[in-house]
Amino acid sequence: ELPWPNLVVEVAYYQTEENIMTKVQKYLLYNDRVHDVIVVKIDPVPVDQVPSRFRAWHFCVSYSRLANGNVPARNMFEFGTHDVNGGPLNFEQGTCVINIKLD
């Protein structure tokens, strides 16, 4: 058997957040297969538009586990020009806000 990698970076565009998180918990982090997983979720937009928001989560099996066995995200980062409700986050033309939640 070949060893699993220490780090996996998963980028999702069309997958739902729920689907990608299930993949992380039930496959990648299951039985500590991967030590760290970084998920980048880019919100899909119509063909003629540029994505205006994406989120990233960092999971680490050394952090902790919930009662159900899932590994909670250690960090969550949000990048973009619009919030989850579509409201603009730009303070000046061309700027973007990075919202980093540190627990």
PDB file of N, CA and C in Angstrom:
ATOM      1  N   GLU A   1       0.831  -1.186   0.000  1.00  0.00           N
ATOM      2  CA  GLU A   1       0.000   0.000   0.000  1.00  0.00           C
ATOM      3  C   GLU A   1       0.872   1.245   0.000  1.00  0.00           C
ATOM      4  N   LEU A   2       0.516   2.196  -0.812  1.00  0.00           N
ATOM      5  CA  LEU A   2       1.244   3.456  -0.846  1.00  0.00           C
ATOM      6  C   LEU A   2       0.727   4.372   0.259  1.00  0.00           C
ATOM      7  N   PRO A   3       1.606   5.173   0.848  1.00  0.00           N
ATOM      8  CA  PRO A   3       1.154   6.087   1.899  1.00  0.00           C
ATOM      9  C   PRO A   3       0.322   7.228   1.319  1.00  0.00           C
ATOM     10  N   TRP A   4      -0.561   7.748   2.145  1.00  0.00           N
ATOM     11  CA  TRP A   4      -1.357   8.908   1.755  1.00  0.00           C
ATOM     12  C   TRP A   4      -0.499  10.158   1.891  1.00  0.00           C
ATOM     13  N   PRO A   5      -0.847  11.229   1.187  1.00  0.00           N
ATOM     14  CA  PRO A   5      -0.070  12.471   1.295  1.00  0.00           C
ATOM     15  C   PRO A   5      -0.334  13.177   2.630  1.00  0.00           C
ATOM     16  N   ASN A   6       0.578  14.059   2.992  1.00  0.00           N
ATOM     17  CA  ASN A   6       0.404  14.860   4.202  1.00  0.00           C
ATOM     18  C   ASN A   6      -0.541  16.028   3.988  1.00  0.00           C
ATOM     19  N   LEU A   7      -0.611  16.537   2.761  1.00  0.00           N
ATOM     20  CA  LEU A   7      -1.417  17.718   2.464  1.00  0.00           C
ATOM     21  C   LEU A   7      -2.160  17.516   1.154  1.00  0.00           C
ATOM     22  N   VAL A   8      -3.449  17.836   1.164  1.00  0.00           N
ATOM     23  CA  VAL A   8      -4.256  17.839  -0.056  1.00  0.00           C
ATOM     24  C   VAL A   8      -4.904  19.210  -0.163  1.00  0.00           C
ATOM     25  N   VAL A   9      -4.821  19.814  -1.345  1.00  0.00           N
ATOM     26  CA  VAL A   9      -5.520  21.065  -1.629  1.00  0.00           C
ATOM     27  C   VAL A   9      -6.624  20.730  -2.611  1.00  0.00           C
ATOM     28  N   GLU A  10      -7.855  20.966  -2.210  1.00  0.00           N
ATOM     29  CA  GLU A  10      -9.034  20.650  -3.027  1.00  0.00           C
ATOM     30  C   GLU A  10      -9.667  21.963  -3.458  1.00  0.00           C
ATOM     31  N   VAL A  11      -9.791  22.169  -4.768  1.00  0.00           N
ATOM     32  CA  VAL A  11     -10.417  23.379  -5.298  1.00  0.00           C
ATOM     33  C   VAL A  11     -11.755  22.991  -5.898  1.00  0.00           C
ATOM     34  N   ALA A  12     -12.810  23.670  -5.461  1.00  0.00           N
ATOM     35  CA  ALA A  12     -14.167  23.350  -5.908  1.00  0.00           C
ATOM     36  C   ALA A  12     -14.798  24.578  -6.550  1.00  0.00           C
ATOM     37  N   TYR A  13     -15.437  24.361  -7.675  1.00  0.00           N
ATOM     38  CA  TYR A  13     -16.140  25.450  -8.361  1.00  0.00           C
ATOM     39  C   TYR A  13     -17.614  25.093  -8.493  1.00  0.00           C
ATOM     40  N   TYR A  14     -17.916  24.015  -9.178  1.00  0.00           N
ATOM     41  CA  TYR A  14     -19.311  23.622  -9.374  1.00  0.00           C
ATOM     42  C   TYR A  14     -19.860  22.788  -8.222  1.00  0.00           C
ATOM     43  N   GLN A  15     -18.991  22.132  -7.467  1.00  0.00           N
ATOM     44  CA  GLN A  15     -19.466  21.345  -6.330  1.00  0.00           C
ATOM     45  C   GLN A  15     -20.058  22.272  -5.275  1.00  0.00           C
ATOM     46  N   THR A  16     -21.085  21.794  -4.597  1.00  0.00           N
ATOM     47  CA  THR A  16     -21.654  22.577  -3.504  1.00  0.00           C
ATOM     48  C   THR A  16     -20.715  22.508  -2.301  1.00  0.00           C
ATOM     49  N   GLU A  17     -20.874  23.479  -1.414  1.00  0.00           N
ATOM     50  CA  GLU A  17     -20.078  23.472  -0.190  1.00  0.00           C
ATOM     51  C   GLU A  17     -20.359  22.199   0.613  1.00  0.00           C
ATOM     52  N   GLU A  18     -21.616  21.798   0.680  1.00  0.00           N
ATOM     53  CA  GLU A  18     -21.989  20.588   1.417  1.00  0.00           C
ATOM     54  C   GLU A  18     -21.304  19.355   0.828  1.00  0.00           C
ATOM     55  N   ASN A  19     -21.297  19.248  -0.499  1.00  0.00           N
ATOM     56  CA  ASN A  19     -20.683  18.107  -1.163  1.00  0.00           C
ATOM     57  C   ASN A  19     -19.184  18.032  -0.908  1.00  0.00           C
ATOM     58  N   ILE A  20     -18.514  19.159  -1.013  1.00  0.00           N
ATOM     59  CA  ILE A  20     -17.062  19.152  -0.830  1.00  0.00           C
ATOM     60  C   ILE A  20     -16.693  18.864   0.624  1.00  0.00           C
ATOM     61  N   MET A  21     -17.491  19.365   1.573  1.00  0.00           N
ATOM     62  CA  MET A  21     -17.206  19.101   2.990  1.00  0.00           C
ATOM     63  C   MET A  21     -17.444  17.627   3.334  1.00  0.00           C
ATOM     64  N   THR A  22     -18.433  17.017   2.695  1.00  0.00           N
ATOM     65  CA  THR A  22     -18.657  15.582   2.886  1.00  0.00           C
ATOM     66  C   THR A  22     -17.460  14.793   2.372  1.00  0.00           C
ATOM     67  N   LYS A  23     -16.943  15.169   1.215  1.00  0.00           N
ATOM     68  CA  LYS A  23     -15.761  14.502   0.658  1.00  0.00           C
ATOM     69  C   LYS A  23     -14.569  14.638   1.605  1.00  0.00           C
ATOM     70  N   VAL A  24     -14.394  15.816   2.170  1.00  0.00           N
ATOM     71  CA  VAL A  24     -13.285  16.041   3.102  1.00  0.00           C
ATOM     72  C   VAL A  24     -13.412  15.133   4.317  1.00  0.00           C
ATOM     73  N   GLN A  25     -14.604  15.111   4.933  1.00  0.00           N
ATOM     74  CA  GLN A  25     -14.793  14.361   6.179  1.00  0.00           C
ATOM     75  C   GLN A  25     -14.847  12.846   5.968  1.00  0.00           C
ATOM     76  N   LYS A  26     -15.586  12.408   4.955  1.00  0.00           N
ATOM     77  CA  LYS A  26     -15.837  10.973   4.772  1.00  0.00           C
ATOM     78  C   LYS A  26     -14.763  10.249   3.962  1.00  0.00           C
ATOM     79  N   TYR A  27     -13.907  11.004   3.273  1.00  0.00           N
ATOM     80  CA  TYR A  27     -12.901  10.352   2.442  1.00  0.00           C
ATOM     81  C   TYR A  27     -11.479  10.808   2.793  1.00  0.00           C
ATOM     82  N   LEU A  28     -11.209  12.095   2.692  1.00  0.00           N
ATOM     83  CA  LEU A  28      -9.836  12.561   2.880  1.00  0.00           C
ATOM     84  C   LEU A  28      -9.362  12.470   4.328  1.00  0.00           C
ATOM     85  N   LEU A  29     -10.193  12.917   5.275  1.00  0.00           N
ATOM     86  CA  LEU A  29      -9.779  12.911   6.680  1.00  0.00           C
ATOM     87  C   LEU A  29     -10.141  11.624   7.410  1.00  0.00           C
ATOM     88  N   TYR A  30     -10.914  10.767   6.766  1.00  0.00           N
ATOM     89  CA  TYR A  30     -11.353   9.514   7.385  1.00  0.00           C
ATOM     90  C   TYR A  30     -10.142   8.670   7.775  1.00  0.00           C
ATOM     91  N   ASN A  31     -10.113   8.195   8.998  1.00  0.00           N
ATOM     92  CA  ASN A  31      -8.998   7.383   9.520  1.00  0.00           C
ATOM     93  C   ASN A  31      -7.640   8.068   9.359  1.00  0.00           C
ATOM     94  N   ASP A  32      -7.645   9.400   9.420  1.00  0.00           N
ATOM     95  CA  ASP A  32      -6.406  10.188   9.315  1.00  0.00           C
ATOM     96  C   ASP A  32      -5.634   9.896   8.029  1.00  0.00           C
ATOM     97  N   ARG A  33      -6.354   9.670   6.937  1.00  0.00           N
ATOM     98  CA  ARG A  33      -5.694   9.381   5.656  1.00  0.00           C
ATOM     99  C   ARG A  33      -4.773  10.521   5.243  1.00  0.00           C
ATOM    100  N   VAL A  34      -5.243  11.742   5.441  1.00  0.00           N
ATOM    101  CA  VAL A  34      -4.463  12.928   5.098  1.00  0.00           C
ATOM    102  C   VAL A  34      -4.328  13.751   6.371  1.00  0.00           C
ATOM    103  N   HIS A  35      -3.157  14.310   6.599  1.00  0.00           N
ATOM    104  CA  HIS A  35      -2.941  15.089   7.821  1.00  0.00           C
ATOM    105  C   HIS A  35      -3.594  16.464   7.734  1.00  0.00           C
ATOM    106  N   ASP A  36      -3.406  17.165   6.632  1.00  0.00           N
ATOM    107  CA  ASP A  36      -3.979  18.501   6.441  1.00  0.00           C
ATOM    108  C   ASP A  36      -4.711  18.560   5.114  1.00  0.00           C
ATOM    109  N   VAL A  37      -5.860  19.223   5.126  1.00  0.00           N
ATOM    110  CA  VAL A  37      -6.630  19.455   3.903  1.00  0.00           C
ATOM    111  C   VAL A  37      -6.957  20.936   3.837  1.00  0.00           C
ATOM    112  N   ILE A  38      -6.712  21.527   2.684  1.00  0.00           N
ATOM    113  CA  ILE A  38      -7.118  22.905   2.425  1.00  0.00           C
ATOM    114  C   ILE A  38      -8.150  22.857   1.312  1.00  0.00           C
ATOM    115  N   VAL A  39      -9.311  23.425   1.573  1.00  0.00           N
ATOM    116  CA  VAL A  39     -10.397  23.474   0.593  1.00  0.00           C
ATOM    117  C   VAL A  39     -10.550  24.915   0.137  1.00  0.00           C
ATOM    118  N   VAL A  40     -10.580  25.119  -1.172  1.00  0.00           N
ATOM    119  CA  VAL A  40     -10.856  26.434  -1.746  1.00  0.00           C
ATOM    120  C   VAL A  40     -12.148  26.310  -2.529  1.00  0.00           C
ATOM    121  N   LYS A  41     -13.169  27.059  -2.133  1.00  0.00           N
ATOM    122  CA  LYS A  41     -14.479  27.030  -2.797  1.00  0.00           C
ATOM    123  C   LYS A  41     -14.692  28.366  -3.486  1.00  0.00           C
ATOM    124  N   ILE A  42     -14.720  28.324  -4.809  1.00  0.00           N
ATOM    125  CA  ILE A  42     -14.953  29.523  -5.613  1.00  0.00           C
ATOM    126  C   ILE A  42     -16.422  29.535  -6.003  1.00  0.00           C
ATOM    127  N   ASP A  43     -17.107  30.631  -5.707  1.00  0.00           N
ATOM    128  CA  ASP A  43     -18.516  30.729  -6.072  1.00  0.00           C
ATOM    129  C   ASP A  43     -18.647  30.851  -7.586  1.00  0.00           C
ATOM    130  N   PRO A  44     -19.411  29.958  -8.226  1.00  0.00           N
ATOM    131  CA  PRO A  44     -19.554  30.019  -9.684  1.00  0.00           C
ATOM    132  C   PRO A  44     -20.343  31.247 -10.120  1.00  0.00           C
ATOM    133  N   VAL A  45     -20.000  31.743 -11.287  1.00  0.00           N
ATOM    134  CA  VAL A  45     -20.671  32.913 -11.868  1.00  0.00           C
ATOM    135  C   VAL A  45     -20.963  32.635 -13.338  1.00  0.00           C
ATOM    136  N   PRO A  46     -21.840  33.434 -13.958  1.00  0.00           N
ATOM    137  CA  PRO A  46     -22.083  33.273 -15.397  1.00  0.00           C
ATOM    138  C   PRO A  46     -20.792  33.437 -16.203  1.00  0.00           C
ATOM    139  N   VAL A  47     -20.796  32.888 -17.410  1.00  0.00           N
ATOM    140  CA  VAL A  47     -19.605  32.848 -18.262  1.00  0.00           C
ATOM    141  C   VAL A  47     -18.974  34.223 -18.464  1.00  0.00           C
ATOM    142  N   ASP A  48     -19.757  35.269 -18.581  1.00  0.00           N
ATOM    143  CA  ASP A  48     -19.218  36.592 -18.892  1.00  0.00           C
ATOM    144  C   ASP A  48     -18.812  37.390 -17.651  1.00  0.00           C
ATOM    145  N   GLN A  49     -18.783  36.768 -16.477  1.00  0.00           N
ATOM    146  CA  GLN A  49     -18.424  37.477 -15.252  1.00  0.00           C
ATOM    147  C   GLN A  49     -17.189  36.855 -14.606  1.00  0.00           C
ATOM    148  N   VAL A  50     -16.558  37.638 -13.755  1.00  0.00           N
ATOM    149  CA  VAL A  50     -15.385  37.189 -13.008  1.00  0.00           C
ATOM    150  C   VAL A  50     -15.848  36.796 -11.605  1.00  0.00           C
ATOM    151  N   PRO A  51     -15.354  35.684 -11.051  1.00  0.00           N
ATOM    152  CA  PRO A  51     -15.741  35.331  -9.680  1.00  0.00           C
ATOM    153  C   PRO A  51     -15.436  36.473  -8.711  1.00  0.00           C
ATOM    154  N   SER A  52     -16.368  36.734  -7.799  1.00  0.00           N
ATOM    155  CA  SER A  52     -16.209  37.859  -6.880  1.00  0.00           C
ATOM    156  C   SER A  52     -16.026  37.418  -5.434  1.00  0.00           C
ATOM    157  N   ARG A  53     -16.030  36.106  -5.194  1.00  0.00           N
ATOM    158  CA  ARG A  53     -15.928  35.633  -3.815  1.00  0.00           C
ATOM    159  C   ARG A  53     -15.419  34.199  -3.796  1.00  0.00           C
ATOM    160  N   PHE A  54     -14.518  33.931  -2.857  1.00  0.00           N
ATOM    161  CA  PHE A  54     -14.188  32.540  -2.583  1.00  0.00           C
ATOM    162  C   PHE A  54     -13.812  32.392  -1.124  1.00  0.00           C
ATOM    163  N   ARG A  55     -13.937  31.166  -0.652  1.00  0.00           N
ATOM    164  CA  ARG A  55     -13.643  30.839   0.736  1.00  0.00           C
ATOM    165  C   ARG A  55     -12.628  29.708   0.778  1.00  0.00           C
ATOM    166  N   ALA A  56     -11.875  29.668   1.849  1.00  0.00           N
ATOM    167  CA  ALA A  56     -10.900  28.593   2.035  1.00  0.00           C
ATOM    168  C   ALA A  56     -10.963  28.118   3.482  1.00  0.00           C
ATOM    169  N   TRP A  57     -10.877  26.805   3.655  1.00  0.00           N
ATOM    170  CA  TRP A  57     -10.880  26.189   4.979  1.00  0.00           C
ATOM    171  C   TRP A  57      -9.619  25.345   5.132  1.00  0.00           C
ATOM    172  N   HIS A  58      -9.082  25.318   6.334  1.00  0.00           N
ATOM    173  CA  HIS A  58      -7.934  24.465   6.637  1.00  0.00           C
ATOM    174  C   HIS A  58      -8.360  23.471   7.708  1.00  0.00           C
ATOM    175  N   PHE A  59      -8.189  22.198   7.424  1.00  0.00           N
ATOM    176  CA  PHE A  59      -8.489  21.112   8.356  1.00  0.00           C
ATOM    177  C   PHE A  59      -7.181  20.423   8.722  1.00  0.00           C
ATOM    178  N   CYS A  60      -7.022  20.069   9.991  1.00  0.00           N
ATOM    179  CA  CYS A  60      -5.821  19.371  10.454  1.00  0.00           C
ATOM    180  C   CYS A  60      -6.242  18.303  11.454  1.00  0.00           C
ATOM    181  N   VAL A  61      -5.835  17.060  11.217  1.00  0.00           N
ATOM    182  CA  VAL A  61      -6.250  15.963  12.094  1.00  0.00           C
ATOM    183  C   VAL A  61      -5.635  16.071  13.487  1.00  0.00           C
ATOM    184  N   SER A  62      -4.588  16.858  13.653  1.00  0.00           N
ATOM    185  CA  SER A  62      -3.982  17.046  14.975  1.00  0.00           C
ATOM    186  C   SER A  62      -4.760  18.039  15.832  1.00  0.00           C
ATOM    187  N   TYR A  63      -5.679  18.780  15.212  1.00  0.00           N
ATOM    188  CA  TYR A  63      -6.404  19.846  15.913  1.00  0.00           C
ATOM    189  C   TYR A  63      -7.367  19.273  16.939  1.00  0.00           C
ATOM    190  N   SER A  64      -8.372  18.554  16.521  1.00  0.00           N
ATOM    191  CA  SER A  64      -9.359  17.923  17.410  1.00  0.00           C
ATOM    192  C   SER A  64     -10.389  17.210  16.552  1.00  0.00           C
ATOM    193  N   ARG A  65     -11.237  16.452  17.202  1.00  0.00           N
ATOM    194  CA  ARG A  65     -12.363  15.811  16.518  1.00  0.00           C
ATOM    195  C   ARG A  65     -13.623  16.089  17.311  1.00  0.00           C
ATOM    196  N   LEU A  66     -14.728  16.199  16.590  1.00  0.00           N
ATOM    197  CA  LEU A  66     -16.027  16.363  17.231  1.00  0.00           C
ATOM    198  C   LEU A  66     -16.527  15.000  17.693  1.00  0.00           C
ATOM    199  N   ALA A  67     -17.603  14.999  18.452  1.00  0.00           N
ATOM    200  CA  ALA A  67     -18.168  13.741  18.961  1.00  0.00           C
ATOM    201  C   ALA A  67     -18.551  12.788  17.831  1.00  0.00           C
ATOM    202  N   ASN A  68     -18.947  13.346  16.666  1.00  0.00           N
ATOM    203  CA  ASN A  68     -19.337  12.498  15.534  1.00  0.00           C
ATOM    204  C   ASN A  68     -18.136  12.018  14.713  1.00  0.00           C
ATOM    205  N   GLY A  69     -16.919  12.382  15.134  1.00  0.00           N
ATOM    206  CA  GLY A  69     -15.718  11.941  14.432  1.00  0.00           C
ATOM    207  C   GLY A  69     -15.204  12.913  13.394  1.00  0.00           C
ATOM    208  N   ASN A  70     -15.990  13.932  13.055  1.00  0.00           N
ATOM    209  CA  ASN A  70     -15.552  14.911  12.067  1.00  0.00           C
ATOM    210  C   ASN A  70     -14.448  15.799  12.630  1.00  0.00           C
ATOM    211  N   VAL A  71     -13.603  16.273  11.743  1.00  0.00           N
ATOM    212  CA  VAL A  71     -12.547  17.218  12.096  1.00  0.00           C
ATOM    213  C   VAL A  71     -13.063  18.616  11.759  1.00  0.00           C
ATOM    214  N   PRO A  72     -13.174  19.507  12.750  1.00  0.00           N
ATOM    215  CA  PRO A  72     -13.651  20.855  12.443  1.00  0.00           C
ATOM    216  C   PRO A  72     -12.580  21.647  11.692  1.00  0.00           C
ATOM    217  N   ALA A  73     -13.008  22.631  10.923  1.00  0.00           N
ATOM    218  CA  ALA A  73     -12.048  23.499  10.240  1.00  0.00           C
ATOM    219  C   ALA A  73     -11.265  24.276  11.288  1.00  0.00           C
ATOM    220  N   ARG A  74      -9.974  24.269  11.141  1.00  0.00           N
ATOM    221  CA  ARG A  74      -9.131  25.015  12.078  1.00  0.00           C
ATOM    222  C   ARG A  74      -9.152  26.499  11.747  1.00  0.00           C
ATOM    223  N   ASN A  75      -9.173  26.819  10.472  1.00  0.00           N
ATOM    224  CA  ASN A  75      -9.228  28.209  10.010  1.00  0.00           C
ATOM    225  C   ASN A  75     -10.196  28.306   8.852  1.00  0.00           C
ATOM    226  N   MET A  76     -10.808  29.477   8.708  1.00  0.00           N
ATOM    227  CA  MET A  76     -11.664  29.766   7.555  1.00  0.00           C
ATOM    228  C   MET A  76     -11.301  31.156   7.071  1.00  0.00           C
ATOM    229  N   PHE A  77     -11.063  31.268   5.775  1.00  0.00           N
ATOM    230  CA  PHE A  77     -10.712  32.539   5.165  1.00  0.00           C
ATOM    231  C   PHE A  77     -11.753  32.860   4.105  1.00  0.00           C
ATOM    232  N   GLU A  78     -12.092  34.129   3.979  1.00  0.00           N
ATOM    233  CA  GLU A  78     -13.042  34.557   2.957  1.00  0.00           C
ATOM    234  C   GLU A  78     -12.405  35.697   2.184  1.00  0.00           C
ATOM    235  N   PHE A  79     -12.389  35.572   0.868  1.00  0.00           N
ATOM    236  CA  PHE A  79     -11.781  36.575   0.005  1.00  0.00           C
ATOM    237  C   PHE A  79     -12.823  37.045  -0.998  1.00  0.00           C
ATOM    238  N   GLY A  80     -12.771  38.303  -1.373  1.00  0.00           N
ATOM    239  CA  GLY A  80     -13.656  38.717  -2.443  1.00  0.00           C
ATOM    240  C   GLY A  80     -14.036  40.166  -2.428  1.00  0.00           C
ATOM    241  N   THR A  81     -14.924  40.477  -3.339  1.00  0.00           N
ATOM    242  CA  THR A  81     -15.447  41.830  -3.462  1.00  0.00           C
ATOM    243  C   THR A  81     -16.909  41.902  -3.051  1.00  0.00           C
ATOM    244  N   HIS A  82     -17.525  40.732  -2.754  1.00  0.00           N
ATOM    245  CA  HIS A  82     -18.927  40.674  -2.331  1.00  0.00           C
ATOM    246  C   HIS A  82     -19.068  39.676  -1.187  1.00  0.00           C
ATOM    247  N   ASP A  83     -19.998  39.967  -0.281  1.00  0.00           N
ATOM    248  CA  ASP A  83     -20.241  39.037   0.821  1.00  0.00           C
ATOM    249  C   ASP A  83     -21.175  37.926   0.375  1.00  0.00           C
ATOM    250  N   VAL A  84     -21.530  37.042   1.301  1.00  0.00           N
ATOM    251  CA  VAL A  84     -22.358  35.878   0.991  1.00  0.00           C
ATOM    252  C   VAL A  84     -23.731  36.269   0.442  1.00  0.00           C
ATOM    253  N   ASN A  85     -24.227  37.454   0.781  1.00  0.00           N
ATOM    254  CA  ASN A  85     -25.528  37.920   0.298  1.00  0.00           C
ATOM    255  C   ASN A  85     -25.430  38.754  -0.971  1.00  0.00           C
ATOM    256  N   GLY A  86     -24.221  38.900  -1.519  1.00  0.00           N
ATOM    257  CA  GLY A  86     -24.042  39.658  -2.747  1.00  0.00           C
ATOM    258  C   GLY A  86     -23.757  41.126  -2.537  1.00  0.00           C
ATOM    259  N   GLY A  87     -23.711  41.576  -1.280  1.00  0.00           N
ATOM    260  CA  GLY A  87     -23.416  42.984  -0.997  1.00  0.00           C
ATOM    261  C   GLY A  87     -21.956  43.298  -1.269  1.00  0.00           C
ATOM    262  N   PRO A  88     -21.682  44.472  -1.851  1.00  0.00           N
ATOM    263  CA  PRO A  88     -20.296  44.820  -2.171  1.00  0.00           C
ATOM    264  C   PRO A  88     -19.457  45.037  -0.918  1.00  0.00           C
ATOM    265  N   LEU A  89     -18.207  44.597  -0.973  1.00  0.00           N
ATOM    266  CA  LEU A  89     -17.257  44.788   0.114  1.00  0.00           C
ATOM    267  C   LEU A  89     -16.176  45.795  -0.253  1.00  0.00           C
ATOM    268  N   ASN A  90     -16.229  46.346  -1.450  1.00  0.00           N
ATOM    269  CA  ASN A  90     -15.196  47.288  -1.885  1.00  0.00           C
ATOM    270  C   ASN A  90     -15.309  48.600  -1.130  1.00  0.00           C
ATOM    271  N   PHE A  91     -14.176  49.061  -0.621  1.00  0.00           N
ATOM    272  CA  PHE A  91     -14.125  50.369   0.012  1.00  0.00           C
ATOM    273  C   PHE A  91     -13.663  51.407  -0.995  1.00  0.00           C
ATOM    274  N   GLU A  92     -12.796  51.020  -1.887  1.00  0.00           N
ATOM    275  CA  GLU A  92     -12.320  51.870  -2.968  1.00  0.00           C
ATOM    276  C   GLU A  92     -12.251  51.024  -4.226  1.00  0.00           C
ATOM    277  N   GLN A  93     -12.337  51.665  -5.369  1.00  0.00           N
ATOM    278  CA  GLN A  93     -12.285  50.953  -6.635  1.00  0.00           C
ATOM    279  C   GLN A  93     -11.044  50.072  -6.695  1.00  0.00           C
ATOM    280  N   GLY A  94     -11.244  48.796  -6.988  1.00  0.00           N
ATOM    281  CA  GLY A  94     -10.135  47.873  -7.160  1.00  0.00           C
ATOM    282  C   GLY A  94      -9.639  47.191  -5.898  1.00  0.00           C
ATOM    283  N   THR A  95     -10.209  47.538  -4.744  1.00  0.00           N
ATOM    284  CA  THR A  95      -9.765  46.887  -3.511  1.00  0.00           C
ATOM    285  C   THR A  95     -10.639  45.691  -3.188  1.00  0.00           C
ATOM    286  N   CYS A  96     -10.101  44.779  -2.428  1.00  0.00           N
ATOM    287  CA  CYS A  96     -10.833  43.599  -1.980  1.00  0.00           C
ATOM    288  C   CYS A  96     -10.638  43.447  -0.482  1.00  0.00           C
ATOM    289  N   VAL A  97     -11.600  42.833   0.159  1.00  0.00           N
ATOM    290  CA  VAL A  97     -11.524  42.582   1.590  1.00  0.00           C
ATOM    291  C   VAL A  97     -11.174  41.117   1.806  1.00  0.00           C
ATOM    292  N   ILE A  98     -10.286  40.861   2.729  1.00  0.00           N
ATOM    293  CA  ILE A  98      -9.988  39.499   3.149  1.00  0.00           C
ATOM    294  C   ILE A  98     -10.464  39.388   4.588  1.00  0.00           C
ATOM    295  N   ASN A  99     -11.428  38.521   4.829  1.00  0.00           N
ATOM    296  CA  ASN A  99     -11.974  38.309   6.165  1.00  0.00           C
ATOM    297  C   ASN A  99     -11.388  37.013   6.694  1.00  0.00           C
ATOM    298  N   ILE A 100     -10.501  37.111   7.668  1.00  0.00           N
ATOM    299  CA  ILE A 100      -9.852  35.931   8.221  1.00  0.00           C
ATOM    300  C   ILE A 100     -10.362  35.717   9.636  1.00  0.00           C
ATOM    301  N   LYS A 101     -11.054  34.607   9.833  1.00  0.00           N
ATOM    302  CA  LYS A 101     -11.609  34.273  11.145  1.00  0.00           C
ATOM    303  C   LYS A 101     -10.569  33.462  11.914  1.00  0.00           C
ATOM    304  N   LEU A 102     -10.078  33.999  12.992  1.00  0.00           N
ATOM    305  CA  LEU A 102      -9.079  33.313  13.801  1.00  0.00           C
ATOM    306  C   LEU A 102      -9.698  32.946  15.136  1.00  0.00           C
ATOM    307  N   ASP A 103      -9.746  31.664  15.423  1.00  0.00           N
ATOM    308  CA  ASP A 103     -10.294  31.203  16.700  1.00  0.00           C
ATOM    309  C   ASP A 103      -9.193  30.717  17.598  1.00  0.00           C
TER     310      ASP A 103
END
